[in-house]
């Protein structure tokens, strides 16, 4: 549903994860954007040590993003 990138937040000087909604999905399936927005809202409301915290959401050039705490670890796509 999304692609996650590691980034440096220059305002807070910390490493964050930025999840970008796949535009190919959002363009043809409006319900995918609704799910993405619900995910961001759920992350904002939840506070638990095992759940990443959503820090911000934004839209730029028709793309939708969620900025989250960065958690170091293996890439699940390449993990055994």
N, C-alpha and C. Protein backbone atom coordinates (compact mmCIF):
# COMPACT_ATOMS: atom_id res chain seq x y z
N UNK A 1 0.82 -1.19 0.00
CA UNK A 1 0.00 0.00 0.00
C UNK A 1 0.87 1.26 0.00
N UNK A 2 2.04 1.16 0.62
CA UNK A 2 2.91 2.31 0.67
C UNK A 2 4.36 1.93 0.54
N UNK A 3 5.17 2.92 0.33
CA UNK A 3 6.61 2.75 0.24
C UNK A 3 7.21 3.58 1.36
N UNK A 4 8.07 2.97 2.17
CA UNK A 4 8.64 3.65 3.34
C UNK A 4 10.09 4.02 3.06
N UNK A 5 10.41 5.25 3.38
CA UNK A 5 11.77 5.77 3.21
C UNK A 5 12.30 6.26 4.55
N UNK A 6 13.58 6.10 4.75
CA UNK A 6 14.24 6.69 5.92
C UNK A 6 14.66 8.09 5.52
N UNK A 7 14.44 9.05 6.42
CA UNK A 7 14.74 10.45 6.11
C UNK A 7 15.26 11.17 7.33
N UNK A 8 15.86 12.32 7.10
CA UNK A 8 16.33 13.17 8.19
C UNK A 8 15.41 14.37 8.29
N UNK A 9 14.77 14.53 9.45
CA UNK A 9 13.91 15.67 9.71
C UNK A 9 14.81 16.83 10.14
N UNK A 10 14.93 17.81 9.29
CA UNK A 10 15.85 18.91 9.59
C UNK A 10 15.31 19.85 10.68
N UNK A 11 14.01 19.83 10.92
CA UNK A 11 13.45 20.67 11.99
C UNK A 11 13.75 20.11 13.37
N UNK A 12 13.67 18.78 13.50
CA UNK A 12 13.90 18.15 14.81
C UNK A 12 15.27 17.49 14.91
N UNK A 13 16.01 17.45 13.79
CA UNK A 13 17.32 16.82 13.71
C UNK A 13 17.28 15.37 14.14
N UNK A 14 16.29 14.65 13.64
CA UNK A 14 16.19 13.22 13.95
C UNK A 14 15.84 12.43 12.70
N UNK A 15 16.13 11.14 12.75
CA UNK A 15 15.81 10.25 11.66
C UNK A 15 14.34 9.83 11.81
N UNK A 16 13.60 9.87 10.71
CA UNK A 16 12.18 9.49 10.70
C UNK A 16 11.93 8.53 9.54
N UNK A 17 10.79 7.89 9.58
CA UNK A 17 10.32 7.07 8.46
C UNK A 17 9.19 7.84 7.79
N UNK A 18 9.25 7.90 6.47
CA UNK A 18 8.19 8.57 5.72
C UNK A 18 7.53 7.54 4.80
N UNK A 19 6.25 7.32 5.02
CA UNK A 19 5.50 6.37 4.21
C UNK A 19 4.72 7.14 3.16
N UNK A 20 4.96 6.78 1.88
CA UNK A 20 4.27 7.42 0.77
C UNK A 20 3.26 6.44 0.20
N UNK A 21 2.04 6.90 0.09
CA UNK A 21 0.99 6.08 -0.50
C UNK A 21 1.33 5.85 -1.97
N UNK A 22 1.27 4.61 -2.39
CA UNK A 22 1.56 4.29 -3.80
C UNK A 22 0.53 4.98 -4.69
N UNK A 23 0.99 5.87 -5.52
CA UNK A 23 0.07 6.65 -6.36
C UNK A 23 -0.68 5.79 -7.36
N UNK A 24 -0.07 4.68 -7.79
CA UNK A 24 -0.77 3.80 -8.74
C UNK A 24 -2.00 3.17 -8.10
N UNK A 25 -1.96 2.93 -6.80
CA UNK A 25 -3.13 2.39 -6.10
C UNK A 25 -4.16 3.47 -5.83
N UNK A 26 -3.70 4.61 -5.34
CA UNK A 26 -4.62 5.68 -4.95
C UNK A 26 -5.38 6.26 -6.14
N UNK A 27 -4.73 6.28 -7.27
CA UNK A 27 -5.34 6.87 -8.46
C UNK A 27 -6.56 6.09 -8.94
N UNK A 28 -6.48 4.77 -8.85
CA UNK A 28 -7.54 3.94 -9.42
C UNK A 28 -8.46 3.32 -8.37
N UNK A 29 -8.08 3.42 -7.10
CA UNK A 29 -8.88 2.83 -6.03
C UNK A 29 -9.03 3.86 -4.90
N UNK A 30 -10.06 4.69 -4.93
CA UNK A 30 -10.22 5.74 -3.92
C UNK A 30 -10.27 5.20 -2.49
N UNK A 31 -10.73 3.97 -2.31
CA UNK A 31 -10.80 3.42 -0.96
C UNK A 31 -9.41 3.21 -0.36
N UNK A 32 -8.39 3.10 -1.20
CA UNK A 32 -7.02 2.94 -0.70
C UNK A 32 -6.59 4.21 0.03
N UNK A 33 -6.91 5.38 -0.51
CA UNK A 33 -6.58 6.63 0.18
C UNK A 33 -7.30 6.69 1.52
N UNK A 34 -8.56 6.27 1.56
CA UNK A 34 -9.31 6.28 2.81
C UNK A 34 -8.66 5.39 3.86
N UNK A 35 -8.18 4.21 3.45
CA UNK A 35 -7.47 3.31 4.37
C UNK A 35 -6.18 3.95 4.87
N UNK A 36 -5.46 4.60 3.99
CA UNK A 36 -4.21 5.27 4.34
C UNK A 36 -4.48 6.37 5.36
N UNK A 37 -5.53 7.15 5.15
CA UNK A 37 -5.89 8.21 6.08
C UNK A 37 -6.31 7.64 7.43
N UNK A 38 -7.03 6.51 7.43
CA UNK A 38 -7.42 5.87 8.69
C UNK A 38 -6.20 5.33 9.44
N UNK A 39 -5.23 4.80 8.68
CA UNK A 39 -3.99 4.32 9.30
C UNK A 39 -3.28 5.45 10.02
N UNK A 40 -3.17 6.60 9.36
CA UNK A 40 -2.50 7.75 9.97
C UNK A 40 -3.24 8.20 11.22
N UNK A 41 -4.55 8.25 11.16
CA UNK A 41 -5.34 8.67 12.32
C UNK A 41 -5.20 7.67 13.48
N UNK A 42 -5.22 6.39 13.17
CA UNK A 42 -5.06 5.37 14.21
C UNK A 42 -3.69 5.48 14.88
N UNK A 43 -2.66 5.69 14.09
CA UNK A 43 -1.32 5.84 14.66
C UNK A 43 -1.23 7.07 15.55
N UNK A 44 -1.91 8.14 15.16
CA UNK A 44 -1.91 9.35 15.98
C UNK A 44 -2.57 9.12 17.33
N UNK A 45 -3.60 8.28 17.36
CA UNK A 45 -4.37 8.07 18.58
C UNK A 45 -3.77 7.02 19.51
N UNK A 46 -2.96 6.11 18.95
CA UNK A 46 -2.41 5.03 19.75
C UNK A 46 -1.10 5.45 20.40
N UNK A 47 -0.90 4.99 21.63
CA UNK A 47 0.34 5.27 22.33
C UNK A 47 0.77 4.00 23.05
N UNK A 48 1.70 3.27 22.44
CA UNK A 48 2.16 2.01 22.98
C UNK A 48 3.61 1.81 22.57
N UNK A 49 4.44 1.24 23.44
CA UNK A 49 5.86 1.07 23.10
C UNK A 49 6.12 0.19 21.87
N UNK A 50 5.17 -0.65 21.48
CA UNK A 50 5.36 -1.53 20.34
C UNK A 50 4.69 -1.02 19.05
N UNK A 51 4.23 0.21 19.07
CA UNK A 51 3.58 0.80 17.90
C UNK A 51 4.30 2.11 17.57
N UNK A 52 4.71 2.27 16.31
CA UNK A 52 5.37 3.53 15.93
C UNK A 52 4.38 4.68 16.05
N UNK A 53 4.90 5.83 16.39
CA UNK A 53 4.08 7.03 16.56
C UNK A 53 4.05 7.81 15.24
N UNK A 54 2.87 8.21 14.81
CA UNK A 54 2.75 9.10 13.66
C UNK A 54 3.09 10.51 14.12
N UNK A 55 3.98 11.16 13.43
CA UNK A 55 4.41 12.51 13.81
C UNK A 55 3.74 13.59 12.99
N UNK A 56 3.40 13.25 11.74
CA UNK A 56 2.82 14.25 10.85
C UNK A 56 2.24 13.56 9.62
N UNK A 57 1.37 14.22 8.94
CA UNK A 57 0.89 13.79 7.63
C UNK A 57 0.93 15.01 6.73
N UNK A 58 1.16 14.77 5.46
CA UNK A 58 1.13 15.89 4.52
C UNK A 58 0.88 15.37 3.11
N UNK A 59 0.54 16.32 2.25
CA UNK A 59 0.29 16.02 0.84
C UNK A 59 1.12 17.00 0.03
N UNK A 60 1.79 16.49 -1.00
CA UNK A 60 2.59 17.35 -1.87
C UNK A 60 2.51 16.79 -3.29
N UNK A 61 2.18 17.66 -4.22
CA UNK A 61 2.10 17.28 -5.64
C UNK A 61 1.21 16.06 -5.86
N UNK A 62 0.10 16.00 -5.13
CA UNK A 62 -0.85 14.91 -5.30
C UNK A 62 -0.46 13.61 -4.61
N UNK A 63 0.68 13.59 -3.93
CA UNK A 63 1.14 12.41 -3.20
C UNK A 63 0.81 12.59 -1.72
N UNK A 64 0.51 11.47 -1.04
CA UNK A 64 0.14 11.50 0.37
C UNK A 64 1.21 10.80 1.20
N UNK A 65 1.54 11.39 2.37
CA UNK A 65 2.64 10.90 3.19
C UNK A 65 2.25 10.84 4.66
N UNK A 66 2.85 9.89 5.37
CA UNK A 66 2.78 9.83 6.83
C UNK A 66 4.22 9.84 7.34
N UNK A 67 4.53 10.76 8.25
CA UNK A 67 5.85 10.81 8.88
C UNK A 67 5.72 10.10 10.22
N UNK A 68 6.61 9.12 10.45
CA UNK A 68 6.53 8.29 11.66
C UNK A 68 7.89 8.19 12.33
N UNK A 69 7.87 7.73 13.59
CA UNK A 69 9.12 7.38 14.25
C UNK A 69 9.85 6.36 13.39
N UNK A 70 11.18 6.45 13.37
CA UNK A 70 11.98 5.47 12.64
C UNK A 70 12.39 4.36 13.60
N UNK A 71 12.20 3.13 13.19
CA UNK A 71 12.61 1.96 13.97
C UNK A 71 13.59 1.18 13.11
N UNK A 72 14.83 1.07 13.57
CA UNK A 72 15.85 0.35 12.81
C UNK A 72 15.55 -1.13 12.80
N UNK A 73 15.89 -1.79 11.72
CA UNK A 73 15.68 -3.23 11.61
C UNK A 73 15.83 -3.69 10.18
N UNK A 74 15.59 -4.96 9.97
CA UNK A 74 15.71 -5.55 8.65
C UNK A 74 14.52 -5.15 7.77
N UNK A 75 14.75 -5.14 6.49
CA UNK A 75 13.71 -4.92 5.50
C UNK A 75 12.87 -6.20 5.45
N UNK A 76 11.58 -6.10 5.72
CA UNK A 76 10.72 -7.28 5.76
C UNK A 76 10.63 -7.97 4.40
N UNK A 77 10.84 -7.21 3.33
CA UNK A 77 10.78 -7.80 2.00
C UNK A 77 11.97 -8.73 1.73
N UNK A 78 13.08 -8.50 2.42
CA UNK A 78 14.27 -9.30 2.18
C UNK A 78 14.62 -10.21 3.36
N UNK A 79 13.88 -10.13 4.44
CA UNK A 79 14.14 -10.97 5.61
C UNK A 79 13.71 -12.41 5.34
N UNK A 80 14.44 -13.38 5.91
CA UNK A 80 14.03 -14.78 5.71
C UNK A 80 12.76 -15.13 6.46
